[in-house]
Amino acid sequence: GIAQQYNTSAETLLTLNGLTTPNDLKADVPLDVPLKACTSMVGNNSLDYPLLVSNGTYVFTAANCVMCSCSAANNWTLQCQSSLLNSSSLCPAKAAIQCEGTDSLYLGNTTSAACNRTTCAYAGYIDQTILTTLALVSTCPVPDNSSLRFSLQGWNWNILLITVHLVLLCLHFFQ
């Protein structure tokens, strides 16, 4: 049904729409459905906190200086960049939204090194200042310790076998 289509429960849909039973649904009446939103790095002291952007949509924030979009293709992480609407005198020049702590990374840009990806992410808007932060995502494979575990198990058996031999040898000498 509708709930499954939006990956939610019937109870959630009923509550969200102020309905008590599925029989209260009416044809041609809009139905509010919950949509998954992207996670963001926006701090709770920002004017646009919490910045929630649903999948497949975008918003303008920071006095229309920043455009943020949400896509499942980006692992549900908010993607922000300088807005094309940034003709406002409140907006810094596009190149001016530089990521704090870097010389060459700007809002929305990503750099990769080995199996780590660093993105200059939007972190909020306070006192006409656009905040940024570095977001590090590791794509390194997790090591498989199963071969180490098996070798240690064999080593443990060797210690046990040596210990048993020593005990038997001691018993033989003391008899």
C-alpha atoms as a PDB file:
ATOM      1  CA  GLY A   1       0.000   0.000   0.000  1.00  0.00           C
ATOM      2  CA  ILE A   2       0.887   3.637   0.391  1.00  0.00           C
ATOM      3  CA  ALA A   3       2.860   3.098   3.609  1.00  0.00           C
ATOM      4  CA  GLN A   4       5.109   0.485   1.989  1.00  0.00           C
ATOM      5  CA  GLN A   5       5.656   2.727  -1.027  1.00  0.00           C
ATOM      6  CA  TYR A   6       7.113   5.411   1.263  1.00  0.00           C
ATOM      7  CA  ASN A   7       8.921   2.955   3.552  1.00  0.00           C
ATOM      8  CA  THR A   8       6.849   3.799   6.622  1.00  0.00           C
ATOM      9  CA  SER A   9       4.031   2.300   8.669  1.00  0.00           C
ATOM     10  CA  ALA A  10       0.285   2.753   8.298  1.00  0.00           C
ATOM     11  CA  GLU A  11       0.187   4.087  11.878  1.00  0.00           C
ATOM     12  CA  THR A  12       2.710   6.803  10.995  1.00  0.00           C
ATOM     13  CA  LEU A  13       0.678   7.872   7.963  1.00  0.00           C
ATOM     14  CA  LEU A  14      -2.534   7.979   9.982  1.00  0.00           C
ATOM     15  CA  THR A  15      -0.941  10.015  12.785  1.00  0.00           C
ATOM     16  CA  LEU A  16       0.786  12.393  10.384  1.00  0.00           C
ATOM     17  CA  ASN A  17      -2.504  13.104   8.630  1.00  0.00           C
ATOM     18  CA  GLY A  18      -4.706  13.264  11.741  1.00  0.00           C
ATOM     19  CA  LEU A  19      -6.660  10.155  10.787  1.00  0.00           C
ATOM     20  CA  THR A  20      -7.825   7.394  13.110  1.00  0.00           C
ATOM     21  CA  THR A  21      -8.464   4.534  10.674  1.00  0.00           C
ATOM     22  CA  PRO A  22      -7.519   3.741   7.070  1.00  0.00           C
ATOM     23  CA  ASN A  23     -11.230   4.123   6.245  1.00  0.00           C
ATOM     24  CA  ASP A  24     -10.824   7.878   6.866  1.00  0.00           C
ATOM     25  CA  LEU A  25      -8.714   8.186   3.694  1.00  0.00           C
ATOM     26  CA  LYS A  26     -10.535  10.063   0.936  1.00  0.00           C
ATOM     27  CA  ALA A  27      -9.859   9.977  -2.796  1.00  0.00           C
ATOM     28  CA  ASP A  28      -8.329  13.151  -4.263  1.00  0.00           C
ATOM     29  CA  VAL A  29      -7.314  14.448  -0.808  1.00  0.00           C
ATOM     30  CA  PRO A  30      -3.567  15.134  -0.468  1.00  0.00           C
ATOM     31  CA  LEU A  31      -1.776  12.846   1.944  1.00  0.00           C
ATOM     32  CA  ASP A  32       1.302  13.903   3.916  1.00  0.00           C
ATOM     33  CA  VAL A  33       4.050  11.280   3.804  1.00  0.00           C
ATOM     34  CA  PRO A  34       7.394  11.266   5.642  1.00  0.00           C
ATOM     35  CA  LEU A  35      10.417  11.543   3.382  1.00  0.00           C
ATOM     36  CA  LYS A  36      13.956  10.571   4.247  1.00  0.00           C
ATOM     37  CA  ALA A  37      16.219  13.582   4.702  1.00  0.00           C
ATOM     38  CA  CYS A  38      19.965  13.929   4.295  1.00  0.00           C
ATOM     39  CA  THR A  39      22.270  14.315   7.259  1.00  0.00           C
ATOM     40  CA  SER A  40      24.154  17.569   7.534  1.00  0.00           C
ATOM     41  CA  MET A  41      27.021  19.140   9.440  1.00  0.00           C
ATOM     42  CA  VAL A  42      24.954  22.216  10.392  1.00  0.00           C
ATOM     43  CA  GLY A  43      25.549  23.160  14.018  1.00  0.00           C
ATOM     44  CA  ASN A  44      22.703  23.738  16.461  1.00  0.00           C
ATOM     45  CA  ASN A  45      23.734  27.396  16.838  1.00  0.00           C
ATOM     46  CA  SER A  46      23.156  28.090  13.132  1.00  0.00           C
ATOM     47  CA  LEU A  47      20.229  30.197  11.935  1.00  0.00           C
ATOM     48  CA  ASP A  48      19.137  27.348   9.649  1.00  0.00           C
ATOM     49  CA  TYR A  49      19.393  24.521  12.195  1.00  0.00           C
ATOM     50  CA  PRO A  50      18.091  21.882  11.708  1.00  0.00           C
ATOM     51  CA  LEU A  51      18.613  21.981   7.976  1.00  0.00           C
ATOM     52  CA  LEU A  52      16.461  19.126   6.684  1.00  0.00           C
ATOM     53  CA  VAL A  53      16.404  18.479   2.949  1.00  0.00           C
ATOM     54  CA  SER A  54      14.358  15.605   1.549  1.00  0.00           C
ATOM     55  CA  ASN A  55      15.665  13.168  -1.028  1.00  0.00           C
ATOM     56  CA  GLY A  56      15.567  14.570  -4.545  1.00  0.00           C
ATOM     57  CA  THR A  57      15.080  18.174  -3.433  1.00  0.00           C
ATOM     58  CA  TYR A  58      17.189  21.272  -2.806  1.00  0.00           C
ATOM     59  CA  VAL A  59      17.009  24.428  -0.707  1.00  0.00           C
ATOM     60  CA  PHE A  60      18.667  27.821  -0.695  1.00  0.00           C
ATOM     61  CA  THR A  61      20.018  28.924   2.663  1.00  0.00           C
ATOM     62  CA  ALA A  62      22.428  31.450   4.180  1.00  0.00           C
ATOM     63  CA  ALA A  63      20.595  34.429   2.633  1.00  0.00           C
ATOM     64  CA  ASN A  64      20.354  32.503  -0.676  1.00  0.00           C
ATOM     65  CA  CYS A  65      24.151  32.307  -0.865  1.00  0.00           C
ATOM     66  CA  VAL A  66      24.279  28.509  -0.534  1.00  0.00           C
ATOM     67  CA  MET A  67      22.307  25.817  -2.332  1.00  0.00           C
ATOM     68  CA  CYS A  68      22.046  22.417  -0.634  1.00  0.00           C
ATOM     69  CA  SER A  69      20.640  19.283  -2.230  1.00  0.00           C
ATOM     70  CA  CYS A  70      19.864  15.783  -1.049  1.00  0.00           C
ATOM     71  CA  SER A  71      20.293  12.587  -3.004  1.00  0.00           C
ATOM     72  CA  ALA A  72      20.391   8.932  -2.041  1.00  0.00           C
ATOM     73  CA  ALA A  73      23.266   8.637  -4.534  1.00  0.00           C
ATOM     74  CA  ASN A  74      25.409  10.696  -2.113  1.00  0.00           C
ATOM     75  CA  ASN A  75      24.819   8.316   0.804  1.00  0.00           C
ATOM     76  CA  TRP A  76      22.134  10.598   2.245  1.00  0.00           C
ATOM     77  CA  THR A  77      24.695  13.319   2.955  1.00  0.00           C
ATOM     78  CA  LEU A  78      23.768  16.927   2.279  1.00  0.00           C
ATOM     79  CA  GLN A  79      25.662  18.380  -0.700  1.00  0.00           C
ATOM     80  CA  CYS A  80      26.078  22.172  -0.598  1.00  0.00           C
ATOM     81  CA  GLN A  81      27.744  24.661  -2.902  1.00  0.00           C
ATOM     82  CA  SER A  82      27.822  28.364  -3.600  1.00  0.00           C
ATOM     83  CA  SER A  83      24.506  29.454  -5.041  1.00  0.00           C
ATOM     84  CA  LEU A  84      24.101  30.893  -8.502  1.00  0.00           C
ATOM     85  CA  LEU A  85      21.748  33.347  -6.808  1.00  0.00           C
ATOM     86  CA  ASN A  86      24.609  34.847  -4.819  1.00  0.00           C
ATOM     87  CA  SER A  87      24.354  38.280  -6.385  1.00  0.00           C
ATOM     88  CA  SER A  88      23.239  39.604  -3.004  1.00  0.00           C
ATOM     89  CA  SER A  89      25.630  41.950  -1.248  1.00  0.00           C
ATOM     90  CA  LEU A  90      25.380  39.597   1.748  1.00  0.00           C
ATOM     91  CA  CYS A  91      26.990  36.762  -0.197  1.00  0.00           C
ATOM     92  CA  PRO A  92      30.737  36.411  -0.411  1.00  0.00           C
ATOM     93  CA  ALA A  93      32.225  35.876  -3.843  1.00  0.00           C
ATOM     94  CA  LYS A  94      31.949  32.246  -4.934  1.00  0.00           C
ATOM     95  CA  ALA A  95      35.648  31.650  -4.354  1.00  0.00           C
ATOM     96  CA  ALA A  96      35.423  33.242  -0.906  1.00  0.00           C
ATOM     97  CA  ILE A  97      33.500  30.339   0.649  1.00  0.00           C
ATOM     98  CA  GLN A  98      36.725  28.606   1.460  1.00  0.00           C
ATOM     99  CA  CYS A  99      36.800  25.716   3.871  1.00  0.00           C
ATOM    100  CA  GLU A 100      38.193  26.652   7.225  1.00  0.00           C
ATOM    101  CA  GLY A 101      41.663  25.244   7.779  1.00  0.00           C
ATOM    102  CA  THR A 102      42.530  24.724   4.095  1.00  0.00           C
ATOM    103  CA  ASP A 103      44.168  26.770   1.382  1.00  0.00           C
ATOM    104  CA  SER A 104      42.544  25.189  -1.631  1.00  0.00           C
ATOM    105  CA  LEU A 105      39.256  23.532  -0.676  1.00  0.00           C
ATOM    106  CA  TYR A 106      36.038  25.460  -1.228  1.00  0.00           C
ATOM    107  CA  LEU A 107      32.428  24.762  -0.297  1.00  0.00           C
ATOM    108  CA  GLY A 108      31.222  21.644  -2.092  1.00  0.00           C
ATOM    109  CA  ASN A 109      34.683  20.576  -3.289  1.00  0.00           C
ATOM    110  CA  THR A 110      36.079  17.152  -2.509  1.00  0.00           C
ATOM    111  CA  THR A 111      39.605  15.830  -2.481  1.00  0.00           C
ATOM    112  CA  SER A 112      40.733  12.215  -2.201  1.00  0.00           C
ATOM    113  CA  ALA A 113      43.905  10.688  -0.828  1.00  0.00           C
ATOM    114  CA  ALA A 114      44.425   6.934  -0.658  1.00  0.00           C
ATOM    115  CA  CYS A 115      41.063   5.631   0.538  1.00  0.00           C
ATOM    116  CA  ASN A 116      39.935   8.795   2.333  1.00  0.00           C
ATOM    117  CA  ARG A 117      37.653  11.466   0.883  1.00  0.00           C
ATOM    118  CA  THR A 118      37.554  14.971   2.364  1.00  0.00           C
ATOM    119  CA  THR A 119      34.728  17.361   1.501  1.00  0.00           C
ATOM    120  CA  CYS A 120      34.298  21.006   2.380  1.00  0.00           C
ATOM    121  CA  ALA A 121      30.816  20.845   3.931  1.00  0.00           C
ATOM    122  CA  TYR A 122      28.348  23.566   4.849  1.00  0.00           C
ATOM    123  CA  ALA A 123      28.183  23.950   8.647  1.00  0.00           C
ATOM    124  CA  GLY A 124      25.715  26.807   9.091  1.00  0.00           C
ATOM    125  CA  TYR A 125      25.083  30.524   8.956  1.00  0.00           C
ATOM    126  CA  ILE A 126      25.678  32.883  11.901  1.00  0.00           C
ATOM    127  CA  ASP A 127      25.866  36.693  11.884  1.00  0.00           C
ATOM    128  CA  GLN A 128      26.096  36.873   8.074  1.00  0.00           C
ATOM    129  CA  THR A 129      28.994  34.406   8.154  1.00  0.00           C
ATOM    130  CA  ILE A 130      28.880  31.150   6.221  1.00  0.00           C
ATOM    131  CA  LEU A 131      30.460  28.372   8.259  1.00  0.00           C
ATOM    132  CA  THR A 132      32.232  25.384   6.734  1.00  0.00           C
ATOM    133  CA  THR A 133      33.827  22.240   8.068  1.00  0.00           C
ATOM    134  CA  LEU A 134      35.928  19.410   6.714  1.00  0.00           C
ATOM    135  CA  ALA A 135      34.018  16.144   6.447  1.00  0.00           C
ATOM    136  CA  LEU A 136      36.241  13.071   6.211  1.00  0.00           C
ATOM    137  CA  VAL A 137      34.833   9.821   4.846  1.00  0.00           C
ATOM    138  CA  SER A 138      36.965   6.708   4.839  1.00  0.00           C
ATOM    139  CA  THR A 139      36.412   4.200   2.065  1.00  0.00           C
ATOM    140  CA  CYS A 140      39.220   1.943   3.287  1.00  0.00           C
ATOM    141  CA  PRO A 141      38.296  -1.733   3.394  1.00  0.00           C
ATOM    142  CA  VAL A 142      37.909  -3.214   6.852  1.00  0.00           C
ATOM    143  CA  PRO A 143      40.703  -5.738   7.448  1.00  0.00           C
ATOM    144  CA  ASP A 144      39.680  -9.376   7.648  1.00  0.00           C
ATOM    145  CA  ASN A 145      41.197 -10.828  10.818  1.00  0.00           C
ATOM    146  CA  SER A 146      39.926 -14.370  10.231  1.00  0.00           C
ATOM    147  CA  SER A 147      43.332 -15.674   9.068  1.00  0.00           C
ATOM    148  CA  LEU A 148      44.963 -14.145  12.148  1.00  0.00           C
ATOM    149  CA  ARG A 149      42.331 -15.759  14.350  1.00  0.00           C
ATOM    150  CA  PHE A 150      42.986 -19.197  12.862  1.00  0.00           C
ATOM    151  CA  SER A 151      46.736 -18.883  13.250  1.00  0.00           C
ATOM    152  CA  LEU A 152      46.334 -17.807  16.874  1.00  0.00           C
ATOM    153  CA  GLN A 153      44.027 -20.731  17.512  1.00  0.00           C
ATOM    154  CA  GLY A 154      46.705 -23.084  16.186  1.00  0.00           C
ATOM    155  CA  TRP A 155      49.283 -21.326  18.356  1.00  0.00           C
ATOM    156  CA  ASN A 156      47.020 -21.788  21.397  1.00  0.00           C
ATOM    157  CA  TRP A 157      46.802 -25.512  20.679  1.00  0.00           C
ATOM    158  CA  ASN A 158      50.608 -25.684  20.518  1.00  0.00           C
ATOM    159  CA  ILE A 159      50.904 -24.045  23.941  1.00  0.00           C
ATOM    160  CA  LEU A 160      48.334 -26.436  25.373  1.00  0.00           C
ATOM    161  CA  LEU A 161      50.166 -29.427  23.914  1.00  0.00           C
ATOM    162  CA  ILE A 162      53.528 -28.234  25.286  1.00  0.00           C
ATOM    163  CA  THR A 163      51.969 -27.602  28.709  1.00  0.00           C
ATOM    164  CA  VAL A 164      50.485 -31.117  28.819  1.00  0.00           C
ATOM    165  CA  HIS A 165      53.868 -32.591  27.879  1.00  0.00           C
ATOM    166  CA  LEU A 166      55.613 -30.592  30.612  1.00  0.00           C
ATOM    167  CA  VAL A 167      53.054 -31.712  33.205  1.00  0.00           C
ATOM    168  CA  LEU A 168      53.471 -35.354  32.166  1.00  0.00           C
ATOM    169  CA  LEU A 169      57.252 -34.983  32.244  1.00  0.00           C
ATOM    170  CA  CYS A 170      57.103 -33.486  35.756  1.00  0.00           C
ATOM    171  CA  LEU A 171      54.817 -36.294  36.933  1.00  0.00           C
ATOM    172  CA  HIS A 172      57.246 -38.849  35.511  1.00  0.00           C
ATOM    173  CA  PHE A 173      60.195 -37.303  37.407  1.00  0.00           C
ATOM    174  CA  PHE A 174      58.344 -37.093  40.719  1.00  0.00           C
ATOM    175  CA  GLN A 175      57.264 -40.745  40.736  1.00  0.00           C
END
